[in-house]
Protein backbone atom coordinates (compact mmCIF):
# COMPACT_ATOMS: atom_id res chain seq x y z
CA MET A 1 111.10 47.69 119.09
CA ARG A 2 108.80 50.13 120.21
CA LEU A 3 106.46 51.84 117.14
CA LEU A 4 105.19 48.57 115.59
CA PRO A 5 103.76 47.22 118.55
CA LEU A 6 102.15 50.98 119.18
CA LEU A 7 101.30 50.65 115.40
CA LEU A 8 99.60 47.35 115.92
CA ARG A 9 97.91 47.74 119.41
CA ARG A 10 96.08 51.12 117.30
CA VAL A 11 95.47 49.29 114.16
CA ILE A 12 94.44 45.62 114.91
CA HIS A 13 90.88 45.46 115.78
CA THR A 14 89.80 42.30 113.71
CA GLY A 15 91.88 38.83 113.69
CA THR A 16 94.92 38.48 115.89
CA LEU A 17 98.26 38.96 115.23
CA THR A 18 101.52 37.80 117.13
CA LEU A 19 104.68 39.41 116.47
CA ILE A 20 108.25 37.92 117.34
CA ASP A 21 110.44 40.59 117.44
CA PRO A 22 114.40 40.66 116.62
CA ASP A 23 115.66 40.11 120.19
CA GLY A 24 112.79 37.19 120.38
CA ALA A 25 110.43 38.94 122.58
CA THR A 26 106.95 37.51 121.69
CA GLU A 27 103.73 39.78 121.55
CA THR A 28 100.13 39.23 120.68
CA PHE A 29 97.64 41.64 119.22
CA VAL A 30 94.15 40.38 119.90
CA GLY A 31 91.70 42.07 117.99
CA ALA A 32 87.82 42.36 119.37
CA ASN A 33 86.61 40.92 116.49
CA PRO A 34 87.41 37.26 115.35
CA GLY A 35 89.38 36.86 112.17
CA PRO A 36 92.77 35.76 110.90
CA VAL A 37 95.22 34.30 113.31
CA VAL A 38 99.18 35.45 111.91
CA THR A 39 102.32 35.04 113.19
CA ILE A 40 105.41 37.16 112.34
CA ARG A 41 108.90 37.51 112.77
CA ILE A 42 110.80 40.72 112.34
CA THR A 43 114.24 40.06 111.29
CA ASP A 44 115.49 43.67 110.91
CA PRO A 45 115.57 45.83 113.45
CA ALA A 46 115.79 49.05 111.77
CA LEU A 47 112.18 48.50 110.50
CA ASP A 48 110.80 50.50 113.48
CA ARG A 49 112.37 53.35 112.16
CA LYS A 50 111.49 52.38 108.74
CA LEU A 51 107.89 53.17 109.49
CA LEU A 52 107.95 56.63 110.81
CA VAL A 53 107.23 57.20 107.31
CA ASN A 54 104.70 55.67 104.82
CA PRO A 55 103.88 52.57 107.19
CA GLU A 56 102.43 50.69 104.45
CA LEU A 57 105.02 51.05 101.89
CA ARG A 58 107.72 50.24 104.32
CA PHE A 59 105.98 46.44 105.64
CA ALA A 60 105.63 45.84 102.42
CA GLU A 61 109.06 46.47 101.48
CA ALA A 62 110.83 45.04 104.46
CA TYR A 63 108.43 41.33 103.66
CA MET A 64 110.39 41.80 100.16
CA ASP A 65 113.43 42.41 101.62
CA GLY A 66 113.17 39.38 104.27
CA GLY A 67 113.19 41.48 107.05
CA ILE A 68 109.73 40.02 108.14
CA GLU A 69 109.14 36.43 108.05
CA VAL A 70 106.00 34.89 107.91
CA ALA A 71 105.16 30.93 106.78
CA PRO A 72 104.07 31.19 103.39
CA GLU A 73 100.79 29.35 104.10
CA ASP A 74 100.20 32.40 106.46
CA LEU A 75 100.73 34.85 103.58
CA ARG A 76 97.09 34.92 102.58
CA ASP A 77 95.62 35.30 105.77
CA LEU A 78 98.53 37.67 106.84
CA LEU A 79 97.07 40.24 103.87
CA ARG A 80 93.62 39.51 104.70
CA LEU A 81 94.29 40.80 108.90
CA PHE A 82 95.66 43.94 106.71
CA LYS A 83 92.73 44.35 104.41
CA LEU A 84 89.86 44.13 107.60
CA ASN A 85 92.29 46.27 109.44
CA LYS A 86 93.13 48.93 106.38
CA ALA A 87 90.74 51.81 107.52
CA ARG A 88 91.86 52.07 110.91
CA LEU A 89 95.94 52.07 109.53
CA ASN A 90 94.62 54.68 107.35
CA ARG A 91 93.53 56.69 110.22
CA THR A 92 97.33 56.95 111.83
CA PRO A 93 99.32 60.17 111.37
CA SER A 94 101.75 58.58 109.04
CA GLN A 95 99.42 57.31 106.77
CA ALA A 96 96.74 59.56 106.78
CA LEU A 97 99.12 62.34 105.42
CA PHE A 98 100.25 59.60 102.35
CA ARG A 99 96.59 59.38 101.80
CA ARG A 100 96.51 63.66 101.84
CA PHE A 101 99.53 63.55 99.46
CA ALA A 102 98.29 60.94 96.87
CA ARG A 103 95.21 62.44 96.75
CA LEU A 104 96.50 66.13 95.54
CA VAL A 105 98.96 63.78 93.37
CA LYS A 106 95.95 62.22 91.89
CA ARG A 107 94.47 65.27 90.87
CA LEU A 108 97.45 66.90 89.29
CA ALA A 109 99.04 63.56 87.36
CA ARG A 110 97.98 62.83 83.83
CA ASN A 111 99.09 59.76 81.86
CA ASN A 112 100.37 61.65 78.45
CA PRO A 113 101.07 58.99 75.82
CA LEU A 114 104.84 58.77 76.48
CA ARG A 115 104.08 58.42 80.50
CA SER A 116 101.32 55.49 79.76
CA ARG A 117 103.84 53.87 77.41
CA ARG A 118 106.64 53.56 79.92
CA ASN A 119 103.74 52.46 82.94
CA VAL A 120 103.00 49.61 80.40
CA ALA A 121 106.37 48.70 80.05
CA ALA A 122 107.09 48.70 83.48
CA HIS A 123 104.62 46.33 84.05
CA TYR A 124 103.69 44.13 81.07
CA ASP A 125 107.00 44.10 79.39
CA ILE A 126 109.19 42.25 82.49
CA GLY A 127 108.39 39.09 80.63
CA ASN A 128 105.53 36.89 78.82
CA ASP A 129 107.22 33.62 80.35
CA LEU A 130 106.25 35.28 84.26
CA TYR A 131 102.52 35.48 82.89
CA ARG A 132 102.64 31.90 81.27
CA LEU A 133 103.25 31.03 84.61
CA PHE A 134 100.32 31.54 86.33
CA LEU A 135 97.73 32.83 83.53
CA ASP A 136 95.23 30.55 81.89
CA THR A 137 96.36 29.10 78.38
CA ASP A 138 94.55 31.84 76.57
CA MET A 139 96.76 34.46 78.67
CA GLN A 140 93.42 36.94 79.82
CA TYR A 141 95.28 38.79 82.41
CA SER A 142 92.10 40.08 83.83
CA CYS A 143 88.97 38.87 86.05
CA ALA A 144 87.47 35.50 84.71
CA TYR A 145 83.45 34.74 85.01
CA PHE A 146 82.20 31.95 87.27
CA PRO A 147 78.53 31.90 86.64
CA ASN A 148 78.68 28.52 89.18
CA GLY A 149 82.06 29.21 91.28
CA ASP A 150 83.24 25.49 90.43
CA GLU A 151 84.75 26.32 86.60
CA THR A 152 88.46 25.71 85.82
CA LEU A 153 90.36 28.74 85.14
CA GLU A 154 90.06 27.96 81.64
CA GLN A 155 86.16 27.31 81.49
CA ALA A 156 86.14 30.50 83.84
CA GLN A 157 88.29 33.02 80.89
CA LEU A 158 86.29 31.50 78.37
CA ALA A 159 82.48 32.36 79.98
CA LYS A 160 84.13 35.60 80.27
CA LYS A 161 84.82 36.27 76.78
CA ARG A 162 81.47 34.87 75.74
CA HIS A 163 79.84 37.15 78.33
CA ILE A 164 81.45 40.31 76.99
CA ALA A 165 80.72 39.00 73.32
CA ALA A 166 77.00 38.42 74.00
CA LYS A 167 76.64 41.75 75.10
CA LEU A 168 78.25 43.52 72.08
CA LEU A 169 75.67 41.70 70.13
CA LEU A 170 77.87 40.96 67.25
CA LYS A 171 77.20 40.83 63.44
CA PRO A 172 79.58 39.45 61.08
CA GLY A 173 81.40 41.90 59.06
CA GLN A 174 81.35 44.52 61.83
CA ARG A 175 84.36 46.39 62.65
CA VAL A 176 85.65 45.76 66.26
CA LEU A 177 88.27 48.11 68.41
CA ASP A 178 90.05 46.65 71.17
CA ILE A 179 91.40 48.82 73.52
CA GLY A 180 94.49 47.54 75.42
CA CYS A 181 93.76 44.36 73.86
CA GLY A 182 96.95 42.08 76.03
CA TRP A 183 98.27 39.15 74.54
CA GLY A 184 95.34 39.36 71.59
CA GLY A 185 93.12 36.52 73.14
CA MET A 186 89.73 38.71 73.17
CA ALA A 187 90.32 40.20 69.64
CA LEU A 188 90.83 36.63 68.47
CA TYR A 189 88.15 34.98 70.32
CA LEU A 190 85.94 37.64 68.50
CA ALA A 191 87.09 37.45 64.74
CA GLN A 192 86.52 33.32 65.62
CA VAL A 193 83.03 33.22 66.57
CA ALA A 194 81.64 36.57 65.27
CA ASP A 195 83.31 36.72 61.90
CA VAL A 196 84.09 40.00 62.63
CA GLU A 197 87.36 42.61 62.01
CA VAL A 198 89.23 43.68 64.78
CA LEU A 199 91.99 46.27 65.78
CA GLY A 200 93.75 45.56 68.41
CA VAL A 201 95.94 48.82 69.83
CA THR A 202 98.23 48.20 73.18
CA LEU A 203 101.00 49.91 74.52
CA SER A 204 103.81 46.85 75.51
CA GLU A 205 105.82 45.56 73.00
CA LYS A 206 105.91 42.43 73.85
CA GLN A 207 102.21 41.58 74.25
CA LEU A 208 101.99 42.85 70.23
CA LYS A 209 104.43 40.22 69.60
CA VAL A 210 102.61 37.65 71.08
CA ALA A 211 99.11 38.62 69.53
CA ARG A 212 100.40 39.05 65.97
CA GLU A 213 101.99 35.54 66.08
CA ARG A 214 98.52 34.06 67.27
CA ALA A 215 97.16 35.74 64.61
CA ALA A 216 99.21 34.74 62.14
CA GLY A 217 99.06 31.09 63.51
CA LEU A 218 95.18 31.06 63.42
CA GLY A 219 95.40 33.00 59.70
CA LEU A 220 93.61 35.76 61.35
CA SER A 221 95.87 38.40 60.24
CA ASP A 222 93.28 39.45 57.23
CA ARG A 223 90.81 39.90 60.14
CA VAL A 224 92.66 40.74 63.11
CA ARG A 225 95.42 43.24 63.18
CA PHE A 226 97.38 44.46 66.02
CA GLU A 227 99.01 47.98 66.48
CA LEU A 228 101.35 49.49 69.11
CA GLN A 229 99.66 52.46 69.29
CA ASP A 230 97.66 54.51 72.36
CA TYR A 231 93.99 54.66 72.29
CA ARG A 232 93.90 58.31 72.14
CA SER A 233 95.28 58.38 68.84
CA VAL A 234 93.10 55.70 66.97
CA ASP A 235 90.84 58.07 64.42
CA GLN A 236 88.93 55.58 62.73
CA PRO A 237 84.94 54.68 63.54
CA PHE A 238 83.75 51.33 64.58
CA ASP A 239 80.94 49.62 65.54
CA ARG A 240 81.84 47.74 68.50
CA ILE A 241 84.41 48.66 71.03
CA VAL A 242 85.76 46.76 73.87
CA SER A 243 88.53 47.15 76.79
CA VAL A 244 89.33 44.89 79.23
CA GLY A 245 91.07 45.47 82.35
CA MET A 246 92.46 48.61 80.65
CA LEU A 247 90.49 51.80 82.43
CA GLU A 248 92.32 51.30 85.40
CA HIS A 249 95.39 52.72 83.63
CA VAL A 250 94.04 55.75 82.60
CA GLY A 251 94.60 57.65 85.66
CA ALA A 252 92.14 59.69 87.72
CA THR A 253 92.59 63.04 85.66
CA SER A 254 91.45 60.97 81.92
CA LEU A 255 88.40 59.66 82.91
CA GLY A 256 87.14 62.21 80.91
CA THR A 257 89.27 61.80 78.17
CA TYR A 258 88.88 58.44 77.59
CA PHE A 259 84.92 58.01 77.51
CA ASN A 260 84.99 60.94 75.12
CA THR A 261 87.56 59.28 73.05
CA VAL A 262 85.40 55.60 73.09
CA ARG A 263 82.27 58.30 72.18
CA ASP A 264 84.12 59.75 68.89
CA ARG A 265 85.45 56.36 67.90
CA LEU A 266 81.83 54.72 68.10
CA ALA A 267 79.44 54.56 65.22
CA PRO A 268 76.47 56.08 65.94
CA ASP A 269 74.37 53.03 66.56
CA GLY A 270 77.44 51.39 68.15
CA VAL A 271 78.18 49.63 71.43
CA ALA A 272 80.79 49.94 73.71
CA LEU A 273 81.51 47.36 76.35
CA ILE A 274 83.86 48.81 79.32
CA HIS A 275 85.10 45.59 81.74
CA SER A 276 87.17 47.84 84.88
CA ILE A 277 88.00 46.98 88.01
CA MET A 278 85.96 49.32 90.25
CA ARG A 279 86.18 50.73 93.98
CA GLY A 280 83.19 50.24 95.64
CA SER A 281 83.26 53.22 97.37
CA ALA A 282 84.03 57.25 97.21
CA SER A 283 86.74 58.29 95.15
CA GLY A 284 90.22 56.27 96.80
CA VAL A 285 94.12 56.65 96.14
CA THR A 286 96.19 53.37 94.77
CA SER A 287 97.89 51.80 97.26
CA PRO A 288 101.89 53.15 97.27
CA PHE A 289 103.02 49.52 97.22
CA THR A 290 100.85 49.11 94.09
CA SER A 291 101.73 52.30 92.83
CA LYS A 292 105.63 51.79 93.32
CA TYR A 293 106.32 48.28 92.19
CA ILE A 294 103.08 46.99 89.97
CA PHE A 295 101.25 49.48 88.25
CA PRO A 296 102.61 52.89 88.03
CA GLY A 297 100.21 55.14 86.68
CA GLY A 298 97.17 53.10 88.01
CA TYR A 299 94.07 53.83 89.63
CA ILE A 300 91.12 51.81 90.35
CA PRO A 301 87.91 54.21 89.85
CA ALA A 302 85.13 54.08 92.16
CA VAL A 303 81.66 53.81 90.37
CA SER A 304 80.45 57.65 90.72
CA GLU A 305 83.37 58.81 89.06
CA THR A 306 83.20 56.41 85.99
CA VAL A 307 79.40 57.06 85.58
CA ALA A 308 80.13 61.06 86.10
CA ALA A 309 82.66 60.36 83.37
CA VAL A 310 80.35 58.96 80.97
CA GLU A 311 77.55 61.30 81.69
CA LYS A 312 79.83 64.13 80.54
CA SER A 313 80.69 62.11 77.43
CA ARG A 314 76.62 62.46 76.81
CA LEU A 315 76.98 58.14 75.86
CA TRP A 316 73.75 56.37 76.86
CA LEU A 317 74.69 54.03 79.76
CA LEU A 318 72.54 50.98 78.40
CA ASP A 319 73.53 48.30 80.79
CA CYS A 320 75.65 48.14 83.88
CA GLU A 321 76.67 45.06 85.71
CA ILE A 322 78.68 44.36 88.91
CA TRP A 323 80.93 41.26 89.52
CA ARG A 324 81.52 40.89 93.00
CA LYS A 325 83.14 37.85 94.09
CA HIS A 326 84.76 36.62 90.61
CA TYR A 327 87.91 38.59 90.73
CA GLY A 328 88.50 36.65 94.25
CA PHE A 329 88.25 33.57 92.28
CA THR A 330 90.85 33.95 89.54
CA ILE A 331 93.25 35.31 91.63
CA GLU A 332 93.46 32.60 93.88
CA GLU A 333 93.83 30.48 91.25
CA TRP A 334 96.50 32.53 89.55
CA ALA A 335 98.41 32.26 93.17
CA LYS A 336 98.04 28.45 93.23
CA ARG A 337 99.73 28.44 89.92
CA PHE A 338 102.25 30.69 90.16
CA ALA A 339 103.12 28.54 93.76
CA ALA A 340 103.46 25.72 91.71
CA ASN A 341 106.34 27.06 89.27
CA ARG A 342 107.85 29.54 91.62
CA ASP A 343 111.18 27.50 91.56
CA ARG A 344 110.73 29.02 87.90
CA ALA A 345 110.27 32.39 88.88
CA LYS A 346 113.00 32.50 90.47
CA ALA A 347 114.81 31.13 88.09
CA MET A 348 114.49 34.11 85.47
CA TYR A 349 114.42 36.75 88.25
CA ASP A 350 115.24 36.46 92.19
CA GLU A 351 113.27 35.90 95.50
CA ARG A 352 112.95 39.02 95.96
CA PHE A 353 110.75 39.20 93.24
CA CYS A 354 109.14 36.23 93.99
CA ARG A 355 108.00 37.71 97.37
CA MET A 356 107.03 40.74 96.02
CA TRP A 357 104.49 39.27 93.45
CA GLU A 358 103.75 36.82 96.08
CA LEU A 359 102.57 40.23 98.14
CA TYR A 360 100.60 42.02 95.03
CA LEU A 361 98.86 38.33 94.44
CA ALA A 362 97.89 38.01 98.02
CA GLY A 363 96.88 41.44 98.27
CA ALA A 364 94.57 41.36 95.33
CA GLU A 365 92.75 38.96 96.41
CA SER A 366 91.94 40.02 99.54
CA SER A 367 90.82 43.58 98.31
CA PHE A 368 88.49 41.33 95.92
CA ARG A 369 87.40 38.62 99.22
CA ASP A 370 87.44 41.25 101.93
CA GLY A 371 87.87 45.02 100.57
CA ARG A 372 85.72 46.99 98.57
CA MET A 373 86.85 46.22 95.05
CA ALA A 374 85.13 44.34 92.17
CA VAL A 375 84.59 44.24 88.60
CA MET A 376 82.10 46.37 86.68
CA HIS A 377 80.71 45.92 82.98
CA LEU A 378 79.14 49.06 81.65
CA GLN A 379 77.91 48.84 78.29
CA LEU A 380 77.29 51.94 75.97
CA GLY A 381 75.91 53.54 73.28
CA HIS A 382 75.01 57.06 71.34
CA ARG A 383 71.24 55.79 71.15
CA ARG A 384 69.40 54.09 74.20
CA ASP A 385 68.10 51.65 71.67
CA ALA A 386 71.25 50.32 70.68
CA VAL A 387 70.81 47.12 72.14
CA PRO A 388 67.10 45.51 72.69
CA LEU A 389 64.96 46.81 75.68
CA SER A 390 65.14 43.86 77.90
CA ARG A 391 68.51 41.99 78.62
CA GLU A 392 66.86 38.51 77.21
CA TYR A 393 69.24 38.53 74.43
CA MET A 394 71.99 38.20 76.24
CA ALA A 395 70.86 34.72 77.43
CA VAL A 396 70.26 34.16 73.77
CA GLU A 397 73.78 35.53 72.26
CA THR A 398 75.15 33.22 75.25
CA GLU A 399 73.85 30.06 73.81
CA ARG A 400 74.44 30.88 70.32
CA LEU A 401 78.39 31.67 71.13
CA ARG A 402 78.55 28.52 72.79
CA ALA A 403 77.07 26.48 70.18
CA ARG A 404 80.14 28.31 67.70
CA GLU A 405 82.69 27.56 70.03
CA VAL A 406 81.63 23.71 70.11
CA GLU A 407 81.73 24.14 66.38
CA LEU A 408 84.99 25.58 66.05
CA GLY A 409 86.78 23.29 69.31
CA LEU A 410 87.13 26.26 71.28
CA ALA A 411 85.23 24.85 73.99
């Protein structure tokens, strides 16, 4: 092999990677800075040729297909090594060409309702049983909140819902729109703790089925309604709007449409809370592996892009909070649970799927621990005084909600 060693000599600046090629020859690449120490074995002699075009994607596919072997306990370190050296990889000719092409596609691509539904189905409709293997009991498939850092996943996801509800400043009888409601956990929580009416919209048929079943099981179908509906087609006003983990699926060219829709659906004195992954750098592109295998049509917006879209909508940005490490903690817990249930996942799908999913989780965790990814909370309203002028009300609301959870047996 000649190309891969040449590529690694150019890329590895942090950490150490030992490469064993198909003939058994070994070479070690030591970066100038300390970092993860990993050994990989190449079993596919054709990998050298495949890396000529889009090395990031081809390397990931080689791992999925078994052309690259790494000890299971070293996969996280391999992805950390990749993340810590990604800036140098992006400057290689092949990867730089891909990124230029991806930026062009990003500017042109628009997620219309039909494409959005296909994209959602590609990820969320692959099977509810898969997600039950690694999510918390409430099936929250978004960043949890670890205020102390030692919470269980269930405690942290409950804290996330509580924190969001506190920012919404809910009052009994209000109407709430949940954009991208998932399996219904957030909508059901809000209805339980605050006696509000909720409409949750999703494009996933399998999520919709579970959400409706949960509402019926809790006796909340009269106050919580779930619909298979694109958020852009909702035509009613709401006192509150919440959206958790949905903005990432909108696409770079549709951020304006998204926030204009929030504006148009939000009552004059209403409050919206948008929870989304954010890119802590200038506008970027979605990784080719993620785009092809995990989230087709997905895009992580930069804070600057998002706030610019909010400004154009003429909504007030009432509050902004950045969660810096919480998603790394969350995905670490998901990865542990997936590993504990790997045999069941393999029986549902196959070995290639399991390797793909492990790569996705390890890469995502590294993005939040070592990369420029975090989570943002944007609190929006038409009026600058839609919420109290200081943040003290959030702490008061949090304690009120905590007490309510105890009453209801949710804590």
